[in-house]
């Protein structure tokens, strides 16, 4: 009953027109930021952080969380329509979403993404409400070895459960890990492999790498195919049929809890959650062969997962004072500016703020689906723009977005170089998503690996001494073994059919 009354008090606080206005402002800005390539939740929230200095703690927190939620859906728009993920968590959506758009089902794909985002965000908010305190003991069990094992599993899932050759996917994942080497040593802080470029002291930026691999390579691929007209001439239905929606419900039910649990783990973020849900869908969907070829389930699973992960990342923030993702770190900064320190006593000491936040997150999910479902047709008409004009716009926005991140032309050159590399790799049948995930997880993996060795004084037995770690490594080996056997079996069948 305490939770019920607290939630009612939270909704009562939303009757304040200023609080309601900042919630609406947050989700609207978040959607727009998510649509623009190169921004994403982190850049958008960082740009608007100074605005929170003049707001109350409730207004600041609600606006930033609204932006956080809004970008999750906005990212899916550019991922589906342009094959450009605005955030690493949306990279999994490109695998099926863009193929649906090119086949004339852009409207349906966008609608499913909006509905899946609503389901994932709403259930994730429910999880945040219920488990902000009870899940603390489980999260505290994850030391450096458990974190390392989980991150390796996430990387392997992307490589092994994707479409195409597992060997090529693992090679691309390794390439992504290698991209994390330039920069600073996570333990000593010494610079390494910077080649005299001061811009590399902080490592390769995620934004230029992602924009190069996906945006620039997409333009080059289409230019290679000498596209001069529109990307698609048929948008298709703007809303899914009842049967299409019904077929996506199991995908949402699988992706949502998985995404929330992964999001709770500090440092995991939305990308591992989305790719893990996509991999799970690849294994357990009734129509496995369609995943990766333009399936609505391939959109519903990662979209529900990354939105649930967004809510999950707030659990360690509010319960432990540890941001579960980079955007959550921005929210932590805003709270500290307001003189509020999240932690185990946050709910007890700030009950009004906590329940207002929960109520506003529920409202944000409703506002997102109400705002965006009617706009599906408008978003989908982006594909009706002739390709030369669209390509020019993508290049201009990409260069502007990458340059504005650090005001550095070096990042622009990195984007262009990786755009050419992505074009060559795609032409050779190599998947690009494992590269991005390797870059996202590589730094965290190295940090956990080094921490484990420091704690154990260099004793490698620490990696097989804890049950959770051993279980995660066993699952990883099982996934690799099963994928290799499946590949060999499929190759034998292909050879047998040819002969």
Foldseek 3Di string as FASTA:
>chain_A
DVLVVLLVLLVVVCVPVLLVVLLLQQLVQLLVQLQQAQQALLNSLVVCLVVLLPPALLSNLNSSLSSNLNNLLSQLLCCQPPVARSDLLNNLLNLFRVLCLLVQANLALSLLLLVLLLLLLLVLLVCLSPCLQVCVVVLVVDALLLVLLLLLLLLLLLLLLADDDSVLSVVLLVLLLVQQQAAADPPPRHGDPPVPPPVRNHGFDLRLLSCQLGVLLSLVLVVVVVAFAFSHPHNPDNHDDPVLSVLQVVLSVQLNVQLLVQLLHALRALNSSLSVSLSVCCVPRPCNVCRSNHGSNSSSRSSSSRSSSSSSQCSCCQAQVGGRHSSSVSSSVSCVSNVHGHHNCNCVVPVNSVSSSSNSSNVSSVSSSVVPSVCSVVSSCLRNPTSVVVSVVSLVSSLVSQCVVPVDCVSVVSSNVSNVVSNVCVVVVRDNSSSSSSNSCSVSSSSSVVVQCVVVVNDPCSQVPDPSSVVSNVVSVVSVVVSVVVVVVVVVVVVVVVD
